[in-house]
């Protein structure tokens, strides 16, 4: 997960300050948890798996 976040944030964009990085990371993590379908979870989102549990 750390590599995924790093590839999507600091390796792809330059941030003027820490606040901009923090805002983008929070947006990315929300999108990841609610929209990304993962093979390890049988193509479900992490949020859907938690709701089913």
C-alpha atoms as a PDB file:
ATOM      1  CA  UNK A   1       0.000   0.000   0.000  1.00  0.00           C
ATOM      2  CA  UNK A   2       2.839   2.403   0.770  1.00  0.00           C
ATOM      3  CA  UNK A   3       4.283   1.932  -2.714  1.00  0.00           C
ATOM      4  CA  UNK A   4       0.878   2.486  -4.313  1.00  0.00           C
ATOM      5  CA  UNK A   5       0.404   5.766  -2.450  1.00  0.00           C
ATOM      6  CA  UNK A   6       3.948   6.894  -3.196  1.00  0.00           C
ATOM      7  CA  UNK A   7       3.607   6.142  -6.928  1.00  0.00           C
ATOM      8  CA  UNK A   8       0.320   8.064  -7.113  1.00  0.00           C
ATOM      9  CA  UNK A   9       1.484  11.090  -5.134  1.00  0.00           C
ATOM     10  CA  UNK A  10       5.093  12.184  -4.676  1.00  0.00           C
ATOM     11  CA  UNK A  11       6.451  10.329  -7.709  1.00  0.00           C
ATOM     12  CA  UNK A  12       3.786  11.808 -10.000  1.00  0.00           C
ATOM     13  CA  UNK A  13       3.366  15.371  -8.688  1.00  0.00           C
ATOM     14  CA  UNK A  14       5.339  18.195  -7.095  1.00  0.00           C
ATOM     15  CA  UNK A  15       3.611  19.797  -4.109  1.00  0.00           C
ATOM     16  CA  UNK A  16       4.238  23.399  -3.030  1.00  0.00           C
ATOM     17  CA  UNK A  17       3.756  22.560   0.636  1.00  0.00           C
ATOM     18  CA  UNK A  18       2.839  19.802   3.065  1.00  0.00           C
ATOM     19  CA  UNK A  19      -0.833  20.826   3.141  1.00  0.00           C
ATOM     20  CA  UNK A  20      -1.209  20.190  -0.589  1.00  0.00           C
ATOM     21  CA  UNK A  21       0.412  16.758  -0.249  1.00  0.00           C
ATOM     22  CA  UNK A  22      -1.816  15.879   2.696  1.00  0.00           C
ATOM     23  CA  UNK A  23      -4.975  16.953   0.831  1.00  0.00           C
ATOM     24  CA  UNK A  24      -4.051  14.900  -2.235  1.00  0.00           C
ATOM     25  CA  UNK A  25      -3.191  11.835  -0.141  1.00  0.00           C
ATOM     26  CA  UNK A  26      -6.530  11.966   1.675  1.00  0.00           C
ATOM     27  CA  UNK A  27      -8.367  12.255  -1.638  1.00  0.00           C
ATOM     28  CA  UNK A  28      -6.387   9.360  -3.092  1.00  0.00           C
ATOM     29  CA  UNK A  29      -6.996   7.083  -0.107  1.00  0.00           C
ATOM     30  CA  UNK A  30     -10.747   7.832  -0.166  1.00  0.00           C
ATOM     31  CA  UNK A  31     -10.909   7.031  -3.882  1.00  0.00           C
ATOM     32  CA  UNK A  32      -8.872   3.873  -3.344  1.00  0.00           C
ATOM     33  CA  UNK A  33     -11.114   2.600  -0.557  1.00  0.00           C
ATOM     34  CA  UNK A  34     -14.425   3.369  -2.252  1.00  0.00           C
ATOM     35  CA  UNK A  35     -13.744   2.947  -5.979  1.00  0.00           C
ATOM     36  CA  UNK A  36     -10.771   0.663  -6.604  1.00  0.00           C
ATOM     37  CA  UNK A  37     -11.698  -2.951  -7.286  1.00  0.00           C
ATOM     38  CA  UNK A  38      -8.922  -5.228  -6.033  1.00  0.00           C
ATOM     39  CA  UNK A  39      -8.068  -8.677  -7.324  1.00  0.00           C
ATOM     40  CA  UNK A  40      -7.137  -9.904  -3.838  1.00  0.00           C
ATOM     41  CA  UNK A  41     -10.657  -9.028  -2.682  1.00  0.00           C
ATOM     42  CA  UNK A  42     -12.304 -10.868  -5.580  1.00  0.00           C
ATOM     43  CA  UNK A  43     -12.727  -7.616  -7.550  1.00  0.00           C
ATOM     44  CA  UNK A  44     -14.577  -5.842  -4.757  1.00  0.00           C
ATOM     45  CA  UNK A  45     -13.697  -2.530  -3.178  1.00  0.00           C
ATOM     46  CA  UNK A  46     -12.236  -2.447   0.343  1.00  0.00           C
ATOM     47  CA  UNK A  47     -15.337  -0.591   1.550  1.00  0.00           C
ATOM     48  CA  UNK A  48     -17.662  -3.251   0.142  1.00  0.00           C
ATOM     49  CA  UNK A  49     -15.684  -6.038   1.837  1.00  0.00           C
ATOM     50  CA  UNK A  50     -15.875  -4.239   5.189  1.00  0.00           C
ATOM     51  CA  UNK A  51     -19.629  -3.718   4.797  1.00  0.00           C
ATOM     52  CA  UNK A  52     -20.128  -7.401   4.002  1.00  0.00           C
ATOM     53  CA  UNK A  53     -18.166  -8.435   7.085  1.00  0.00           C
END
